[in-house]
Amino acid sequence: MRWLHEFLRRVRRRGTGPPVREPVAKSVAAAVPGRVPERLIVGLGNPGDVYRDTRHNVGFRIVARLGERHAGSWRADRELDARVCGVEIAGRTCLLLQPQTFMNRSGASVAAACARWPSLDPAQQLLVVYDDLDLPPGRIRLRPGGGAGGHRGIADILAELETRDVPRLRFGVGHPGASAAVKDWVLSPFAEELEAQQLPDSIERAADAVEAAIRDGVRVAMGQFNAAD
């Protein structure tokens, strides 16, 4: 695979990035004990407490909720420059992954995971979860592939993997109304009322959708979760 050879070339040139200060998962056995992951579920966001509750980090929050549901334990993986959590969902061994590369370089972490486990087919076994400006707050949309729609995190993943066939779950964060305000919007927290009243249920529904996609496939789950709320 051309993208794999190119990725390994880049890694040799620039290194794997700074370590994350957590217990370190050094092998697949540490991240997903005893098994190669059958599914890779990636939540996008930015590392650090300053970004934790921002709109841009809702992907992190959704995969964190999946880890809680399935009693997973998060670890740092230096080679992937990510936090990882091995869980079993719908009878399948899954690796939850939060890139620590900052949003615009998310593809490096995802490509590193695909390089470590080359049996993973991104079109069938990868699911990326991220925020979307074009959907109302809390609305979700599953898709089996497509373009980036202006989102730099998913754009970097598509570029690194050299394919648009990457399944994804988009979680609406609303739009500020002006393009010039977008950066501040996504790097700000949700409104307090929304955070308290609507967001917890919406994140639960997004986690339900990921589980359904793993259990039944993305196209079947689309029919259940893409209907208007």
C-alpha atoms as a PDB file:
ATOM      1  CA  MET A   1       0.000   0.000   0.000  1.00  0.00           C
ATOM      2  CA  ARG A   2       1.505   3.306  -1.139  1.00  0.00           C
ATOM      3  CA  TRP A   3       0.192   5.276   1.816  1.00  0.00           C
ATOM      4  CA  LEU A   4       1.844   2.821   4.224  1.00  0.00           C
ATOM      5  CA  HIS A   5       5.272   3.118   2.615  1.00  0.00           C
ATOM      6  CA  GLU A   6       4.965   6.908   2.555  1.00  0.00           C
ATOM      7  CA  PHE A   7       3.888   7.002   6.200  1.00  0.00           C
ATOM      8  CA  LEU A   8       6.851   4.883   7.326  1.00  0.00           C
ATOM      9  CA  ARG A   9       9.156   7.185   5.353  1.00  0.00           C
ATOM     10  CA  ARG A  10       7.729  10.202   7.169  1.00  0.00           C
ATOM     11  CA  VAL A  11       8.096   8.547  10.567  1.00  0.00           C
ATOM     12  CA  ARG A  12      11.774   7.823   9.934  1.00  0.00           C
ATOM     13  CA  ARG A  13      12.268  11.453   8.945  1.00  0.00           C
ATOM     14  CA  ARG A  14      10.380  13.253  11.727  1.00  0.00           C
ATOM     15  CA  GLY A  15      10.167  10.754  14.598  1.00  0.00           C
ATOM     16  CA  THR A  16       7.052   9.704  16.453  1.00  0.00           C
ATOM     17  CA  GLY A  17       6.424  12.921  18.397  1.00  0.00           C
ATOM     18  CA  PRO A  18       6.522  13.617  22.135  1.00  0.00           C
ATOM     19  CA  PRO A  19       5.322  10.943  24.553  1.00  0.00           C
ATOM     20  CA  VAL A  20       2.057  11.291  26.416  1.00  0.00           C
ATOM     21  CA  ARG A  21       2.578  11.195  30.168  1.00  0.00           C
ATOM     22  CA  GLU A  22       0.426   8.201  31.087  1.00  0.00           C
ATOM     23  CA  PRO A  23       0.972   4.468  31.586  1.00  0.00           C
ATOM     24  CA  VAL A  24       2.334   3.357  28.247  1.00  0.00           C
ATOM     25  CA  ALA A  25       0.897   0.613  26.033  1.00  0.00           C
ATOM     26  CA  LYS A  26       3.939  -0.823  24.256  1.00  0.00           C
ATOM     27  CA  SER A  27       2.243  -3.603  22.317  1.00  0.00           C
ATOM     28  CA  VAL A  28      -1.081  -4.830  20.994  1.00  0.00           C
ATOM     29  CA  ALA A  29      -1.290  -7.176  23.979  1.00  0.00           C
ATOM     30  CA  ALA A  30      -1.219  -4.182  26.331  1.00  0.00           C
ATOM     31  CA  ALA A  31      -3.843  -2.224  24.399  1.00  0.00           C
ATOM     32  CA  VAL A  32      -6.158  -5.095  23.427  1.00  0.00           C
ATOM     33  CA  PRO A  33      -5.055  -8.058  25.540  1.00  0.00           C
ATOM     34  CA  GLY A  34      -4.320 -11.165  23.500  1.00  0.00           C
ATOM     35  CA  ARG A  35      -5.875 -10.053  20.215  1.00  0.00           C
ATOM     36  CA  VAL A  36      -5.398  -7.867  17.169  1.00  0.00           C
ATOM     37  CA  PRO A  37      -8.258  -5.318  17.076  1.00  0.00           C
ATOM     38  CA  GLU A  38     -11.139  -6.117  14.751  1.00  0.00           C
ATOM     39  CA  ARG A  39     -12.351  -2.517  14.803  1.00  0.00           C
ATOM     40  CA  LEU A  40     -10.548   0.806  15.220  1.00  0.00           C
ATOM     41  CA  ILE A  41     -12.760   3.580  16.636  1.00  0.00           C
ATOM     42  CA  VAL A  42     -11.104   6.995  16.485  1.00  0.00           C
ATOM     43  CA  GLY A  43     -12.412  10.054  18.321  1.00  0.00           C
ATOM     44  CA  LEU A  44     -10.970  13.381  17.193  1.00  0.00           C
ATOM     45  CA  GLY A  45     -10.017  16.286  19.413  1.00  0.00           C
ATOM     46  CA  ASN A  46      -7.127  18.271  20.852  1.00  0.00           C
ATOM     47  CA  PRO A  47      -5.036  17.110  23.834  1.00  0.00           C
ATOM     48  CA  GLY A  48      -4.826  19.074  27.072  1.00  0.00           C
ATOM     49  CA  ASP A  49      -7.246  20.294  29.724  1.00  0.00           C
ATOM     50  CA  VAL A  50      -7.690  23.673  28.014  1.00  0.00           C
ATOM     51  CA  TYR A  51      -9.502  21.950  25.124  1.00  0.00           C
ATOM     52  CA  ARG A  52     -11.296  19.226  27.081  1.00  0.00           C
ATOM     53  CA  ASP A  53     -14.842  20.652  27.042  1.00  0.00           C
ATOM     54  CA  THR A  54     -14.709  22.443  23.694  1.00  0.00           C
ATOM     55  CA  ARG A  55     -16.971  21.666  20.760  1.00  0.00           C
ATOM     56  CA  HIS A  56     -13.963  20.409  18.784  1.00  0.00           C
ATOM     57  CA  ASN A  57     -13.380  17.686  21.398  1.00  0.00           C
ATOM     58  CA  VAL A  58     -16.755  15.996  21.282  1.00  0.00           C
ATOM     59  CA  GLY A  59     -15.189  13.089  19.365  1.00  0.00           C
ATOM     60  CA  PHE A  60     -12.911  12.478  22.342  1.00  0.00           C
ATOM     61  CA  ARG A  61     -15.924  12.556  24.654  1.00  0.00           C
ATOM     62  CA  ILE A  62     -17.911  10.015  22.660  1.00  0.00           C
ATOM     63  CA  VAL A  63     -15.133   7.424  22.546  1.00  0.00           C
ATOM     64  CA  ALA A  64     -14.423   8.101  26.231  1.00  0.00           C
ATOM     65  CA  ARG A  65     -18.059   7.248  26.938  1.00  0.00           C
ATOM     66  CA  LEU A  66     -17.663   3.991  25.012  1.00  0.00           C
ATOM     67  CA  GLY A  67     -14.652   3.174  27.160  1.00  0.00           C
ATOM     68  CA  GLU A  68     -16.714   3.783  30.303  1.00  0.00           C
ATOM     69  CA  ARG A  69     -19.593   1.633  29.061  1.00  0.00           C
ATOM     70  CA  HIS A  70     -17.324  -1.314  28.414  1.00  0.00           C
ATOM     71  CA  ALA A  71     -15.031  -0.947  31.441  1.00  0.00           C
ATOM     72  CA  GLY A  72     -11.970  -0.121  29.362  1.00  0.00           C
ATOM     73  CA  SER A  73      -8.675   1.249  30.668  1.00  0.00           C
ATOM     74  CA  TRP A  74      -6.956   4.079  28.808  1.00  0.00           C
ATOM     75  CA  ARG A  75      -3.201   4.095  28.218  1.00  0.00           C
ATOM     76  CA  ALA A  76      -0.714   6.207  26.320  1.00  0.00           C
ATOM     77  CA  ASP A  77       0.817   4.675  23.201  1.00  0.00           C
ATOM     78  CA  ARG A  78       3.971   6.533  22.194  1.00  0.00           C
ATOM     79  CA  GLU A  79       4.331   4.866  18.815  1.00  0.00           C
ATOM     80  CA  LEU A  80       0.814   5.927  17.812  1.00  0.00           C
ATOM     81  CA  ASP A  81       1.058   9.294  19.600  1.00  0.00           C
ATOM     82  CA  ALA A  82      -2.359   8.529  21.030  1.00  0.00           C
ATOM     83  CA  ARG A  83      -4.361   7.401  24.021  1.00  0.00           C
ATOM     84  CA  VAL A  84      -5.770   3.918  23.488  1.00  0.00           C
ATOM     85  CA  CYS A  85      -8.363   1.742  25.184  1.00  0.00           C
ATOM     86  CA  GLY A  86      -9.103  -1.889  24.360  1.00  0.00           C
ATOM     87  CA  VAL A  87     -12.731  -3.025  24.766  1.00  0.00           C
ATOM     88  CA  GLU A  88     -15.091  -5.645  23.421  1.00  0.00           C
ATOM     89  CA  ILE A  89     -18.233  -4.348  21.708  1.00  0.00           C
ATOM     90  CA  ALA A  90     -20.850  -6.637  20.167  1.00  0.00           C
ATOM     91  CA  GLY A  91     -18.448  -9.558  20.457  1.00  0.00           C
ATOM     92  CA  ARG A  92     -15.687  -7.762  18.530  1.00  0.00           C
ATOM     93  CA  THR A  93     -12.309  -6.681  19.847  1.00  0.00           C
ATOM     94  CA  CYS A  94     -12.165  -2.907  19.442  1.00  0.00           C
ATOM     95  CA  LEU A  95      -9.438  -0.343  19.963  1.00  0.00           C
ATOM     96  CA  LEU A  96     -10.625   3.124  20.953  1.00  0.00           C
ATOM     97  CA  LEU A  97      -8.099   5.775  19.960  1.00  0.00           C
ATOM     98  CA  GLN A  98      -7.701   9.463  20.772  1.00  0.00           C
ATOM     99  CA  PRO A  99      -4.871  11.033  18.722  1.00  0.00           C
ATOM    100  CA  GLN A 100      -2.628  13.334  20.753  1.00  0.00           C
ATOM    101  CA  THR A 101      -1.242  15.045  17.649  1.00  0.00           C
ATOM    102  CA  PHE A 102      -3.676  17.988  17.714  1.00  0.00           C
ATOM    103  CA  MET A 103      -6.635  17.963  15.375  1.00  0.00           C
ATOM    104  CA  ASN A 104      -5.002  18.996  12.111  1.00  0.00           C
ATOM    105  CA  ARG A 105      -2.480  16.125  12.252  1.00  0.00           C
ATOM    106  CA  SER A 106      -4.864  13.358  13.300  1.00  0.00           C
ATOM    107  CA  GLY A 107      -3.996  11.330  10.222  1.00  0.00           C
ATOM    108  CA  ALA A 108      -0.484  10.515  11.455  1.00  0.00           C
ATOM    109  CA  SER A 109      -1.850   8.655  14.473  1.00  0.00           C
ATOM    110  CA  VAL A 110      -4.512   6.799  12.488  1.00  0.00           C
ATOM    111  CA  ALA A 111      -2.039   5.817   9.762  1.00  0.00           C
ATOM    112  CA  ALA A 112       0.368   4.546  12.433  1.00  0.00           C
ATOM    113  CA  ALA A 113      -2.358   2.284  13.828  1.00  0.00           C
ATOM    114  CA  CYS A 114      -3.184   0.957  10.357  1.00  0.00           C
ATOM    115  CA  ALA A 115       0.513   0.322   9.785  1.00  0.00           C
ATOM    116  CA  ARG A 116       0.833  -1.593  13.044  1.00  0.00           C
ATOM    117  CA  TRP A 117      -2.171  -3.757  12.192  1.00  0.00           C
ATOM    118  CA  PRO A 118      -2.138  -4.028   8.380  1.00  0.00           C
ATOM    119  CA  SER A 119      -5.012  -6.521   8.423  1.00  0.00           C
ATOM    120  CA  LEU A 120      -7.337  -3.627   9.344  1.00  0.00           C
ATOM    121  CA  ASP A 121      -9.263  -2.424   6.293  1.00  0.00           C
ATOM    122  CA  PRO A 122     -10.083   1.286   6.765  1.00  0.00           C
ATOM    123  CA  ALA A 123     -13.196   1.003   4.572  1.00  0.00           C
ATOM    124  CA  GLN A 124     -14.652  -1.777   6.730  1.00  0.00           C
ATOM    125  CA  GLN A 125     -13.007  -1.692  10.154  1.00  0.00           C
ATOM    126  CA  LEU A 126     -12.325   1.978  10.884  1.00  0.00           C
ATOM    127  CA  LEU A 127     -14.834   4.489  12.255  1.00  0.00           C
ATOM    128  CA  VAL A 128     -13.917   8.132  12.911  1.00  0.00           C
ATOM    129  CA  VAL A 129     -16.026  10.256  15.279  1.00  0.00           C
ATOM    130  CA  TYR A 130     -15.818  14.052  15.075  1.00  0.00           C
ATOM    131  CA  ASP A 131     -17.650  17.374  15.392  1.00  0.00           C
ATOM    132  CA  ASP A 132     -19.598  18.913  12.510  1.00  0.00           C
ATOM    133  CA  LEU A 133     -20.520  22.572  12.045  1.00  0.00           C
ATOM    134  CA  ASP A 134     -23.264  21.881   9.513  1.00  0.00           C
ATOM    135  CA  LEU A 135     -25.445  19.816  11.852  1.00  0.00           C
ATOM    136  CA  PRO A 136     -27.558  21.233  14.709  1.00  0.00           C
ATOM    137  CA  PRO A 137     -26.117  20.607  18.177  1.00  0.00           C
ATOM    138  CA  GLY A 138     -26.464  16.947  19.151  1.00  0.00           C
ATOM    139  CA  ARG A 139     -27.630  15.719  15.720  1.00  0.00           C
ATOM    140  CA  ILE A 140     -25.625  12.765  14.419  1.00  0.00           C
ATOM    141  CA  ARG A 141     -24.955  11.383  10.945  1.00  0.00           C
ATOM    142  CA  LEU A 142     -23.271   8.125  10.002  1.00  0.00           C
ATOM    143  CA  ARG A 143     -21.676   7.780   6.566  1.00  0.00           C
ATOM    144  CA  PRO A 144     -19.566   5.037   4.956  1.00  0.00           C
ATOM    145  CA  GLY A 145     -17.252   7.546   3.269  1.00  0.00           C
ATOM    146  CA  GLY A 146     -17.031  10.863   1.432  1.00  0.00           C
ATOM    147  CA  GLY A 147     -15.107  14.106   1.569  1.00  0.00           C
ATOM    148  CA  ALA A 148     -13.918  16.109   4.551  1.00  0.00           C
ATOM    149  CA  GLY A 149     -16.562  18.851   4.382  1.00  0.00           C
ATOM    150  CA  GLY A 150     -14.008  21.387   5.554  1.00  0.00           C
ATOM    151  CA  HIS A 151     -13.039  19.481   8.726  1.00  0.00           C
ATOM    152  CA  ARG A 152      -9.256  19.473   8.940  1.00  0.00           C
ATOM    153  CA  GLY A 153      -9.001  16.451  11.213  1.00  0.00           C
ATOM    154  CA  ILE A 154     -10.852  14.079   8.903  1.00  0.00           C
ATOM    155  CA  ALA A 155      -9.163  15.750   5.911  1.00  0.00           C
ATOM    156  CA  ASP A 156      -5.752  14.813   7.312  1.00  0.00           C
ATOM    157  CA  ILE A 157      -6.884  11.221   7.860  1.00  0.00           C
ATOM    158  CA  LEU A 158      -8.164  10.930   4.282  1.00  0.00           C
ATOM    159  CA  ALA A 159      -4.895  12.376   2.994  1.00  0.00           C
ATOM    160  CA  GLU A 160      -2.709  10.031   5.051  1.00  0.00           C
ATOM    161  CA  LEU A 161      -4.720   6.929   4.110  1.00  0.00           C
ATOM    162  CA  GLU A 162      -5.156   8.141   0.510  1.00  0.00           C
ATOM    163  CA  THR A 163      -8.812   7.162   0.421  1.00  0.00           C
ATOM    164  CA  ARG A 164     -12.233   8.742   0.939  1.00  0.00           C
ATOM    165  CA  ASP A 165     -13.674   5.373   1.946  1.00  0.00           C
ATOM    166  CA  VAL A 166     -13.436   5.993   5.676  1.00  0.00           C
ATOM    167  CA  PRO A 167     -16.634   5.438   7.701  1.00  0.00           C
ATOM    168  CA  ARG A 168     -17.448   8.262  10.046  1.00  0.00           C
ATOM    169  CA  LEU A 169     -19.916   9.569  12.617  1.00  0.00           C
ATOM    170  CA  ARG A 170     -20.440  13.319  12.561  1.00  0.00           C
ATOM    171  CA  PHE A 171     -21.782  14.995  15.709  1.00  0.00           C
ATOM    172  CA  GLY A 172     -23.433  18.369  15.263  1.00  0.00           C
ATOM    173  CA  VAL A 173     -22.071  21.366  17.157  1.00  0.00           C
ATOM    174  CA  GLY A 174     -23.973  24.053  15.247  1.00  0.00           C
ATOM    175  CA  HIS A 175     -22.524  26.995  13.322  1.00  0.00           C
ATOM    176  CA  PRO A 176     -21.746  30.476  14.679  1.00  0.00           C
ATOM    177  CA  GLY A 177     -23.228  32.074  11.534  1.00  0.00           C
ATOM    178  CA  ALA A 178     -20.057  33.649  10.151  1.00  0.00           C
ATOM    179  CA  SER A 179     -16.986  31.934   8.756  1.00  0.00           C
ATOM    180  CA  ALA A 180     -14.680  34.307  10.612  1.00  0.00           C
ATOM    181  CA  ALA A 181     -16.107  33.105  13.928  1.00  0.00           C
ATOM    182  CA  VAL A 182     -15.655  29.370  13.287  1.00  0.00           C
ATOM    183  CA  LYS A 183     -12.229  28.954  14.935  1.00  0.00           C
ATOM    184  CA  ASP A 184     -13.307  30.564  18.209  1.00  0.00           C
ATOM    185  CA  TRP A 185     -16.611  28.671  18.067  1.00  0.00           C
ATOM    186  CA  VAL A 186     -15.131  25.175  17.845  1.00  0.00           C
ATOM    187  CA  LEU A 187     -12.485  25.984  20.466  1.00  0.00           C
ATOM    188  CA  SER A 188     -15.126  27.171  22.950  1.00  0.00           C
ATOM    189  CA  PRO A 189     -17.349  25.117  25.271  1.00  0.00           C
ATOM    190  CA  PHE A 190     -20.964  24.338  24.510  1.00  0.00           C
ATOM    191  CA  ALA A 191     -23.538  26.697  26.003  1.00  0.00           C
ATOM    192  CA  GLU A 192     -24.137  25.865  29.679  1.00  0.00           C
ATOM    193  CA  GLU A 193     -27.822  25.042  29.175  1.00  0.00           C
ATOM    194  CA  LEU A 194     -27.057  22.753  26.244  1.00  0.00           C
ATOM    195  CA  GLU A 195     -24.244  21.071  28.163  1.00  0.00           C
ATOM    196  CA  ALA A 196     -26.502  20.418  31.135  1.00  0.00           C
ATOM    197  CA  GLN A 197     -29.771  19.444  29.452  1.00  0.00           C
ATOM    198  CA  GLN A 198     -29.231  18.052  25.947  1.00  0.00           C
ATOM    199  CA  LEU A 199     -25.630  17.068  25.473  1.00  0.00           C
ATOM    200  CA  PRO A 200     -25.443  14.078  27.847  1.00  0.00           C
ATOM    201  CA  ASP A 201     -28.331  12.321  26.066  1.00  0.00           C
ATOM    202  CA  SER A 202     -26.892  13.217  22.654  1.00  0.00           C
ATOM    203  CA  ILE A 203     -23.514  11.726  23.544  1.00  0.00           C
ATOM    204  CA  GLU A 204     -25.245   8.575  24.770  1.00  0.00           C
ATOM    205  CA  ARG A 205     -27.107   8.335  21.461  1.00  0.00           C
ATOM    206  CA  ALA A 206     -23.856   8.803  19.541  1.00  0.00           C
ATOM    207  CA  ALA A 207     -22.293   5.984  21.555  1.00  0.00           C
ATOM    208  CA  ASP A 208     -25.358   3.851  20.749  1.00  0.00           C
ATOM    209  CA  ALA A 209     -24.827   4.596  17.056  1.00  0.00           C
ATOM    210  CA  VAL A 210     -21.172   3.529  17.185  1.00  0.00           C
ATOM    211  CA  GLU A 211     -22.159   0.276  18.873  1.00  0.00           C
ATOM    212  CA  ALA A 212     -24.848  -0.331  16.249  1.00  0.00           C
ATOM    213  CA  ALA A 213     -22.349   0.323  13.451  1.00  0.00           C
ATOM    214  CA  ILE A 214     -19.978  -2.228  14.964  1.00  0.00           C
ATOM    215  CA  ARG A 215     -22.744  -4.767  15.510  1.00  0.00           C
ATOM    216  CA  ASP A 216     -24.791  -4.375  12.323  1.00  0.00           C
ATOM    217  CA  GLY A 217     -22.603  -2.378   9.932  1.00  0.00           C
ATOM    218  CA  VAL A 218     -22.622   1.320   9.098  1.00  0.00           C
ATOM    219  CA  ARG A 219     -25.322   1.178   6.422  1.00  0.00           C
ATOM    220  CA  VAL A 220     -27.794  -0.611   8.677  1.00  0.00           C
ATOM    221  CA  ALA A 221     -27.043   1.757  11.559  1.00  0.00           C
ATOM    222  CA  MET A 222     -27.594   4.729   9.227  1.00  0.00           C
ATOM    223  CA  GLY A 223     -31.215   3.715   8.791  1.00  0.00           C
ATOM    224  CA  GLN A 224     -31.722   3.786  12.543  1.00  0.00           C
ATOM    225  CA  PHE A 225     -29.766   6.877  13.555  1.00  0.00           C
ATOM    226  CA  ASN A 226     -29.738   9.234  10.565  1.00  0.00           C
ATOM    227  CA  ALA A 227     -33.444  10.021  10.718  1.00  0.00           C
ATOM    228  CA  ALA A 228     -34.286  13.546  11.862  1.00  0.00           C
ATOM    229  CA  ASP A 229     -34.434  13.830  15.636  1.00  0.00           C
END
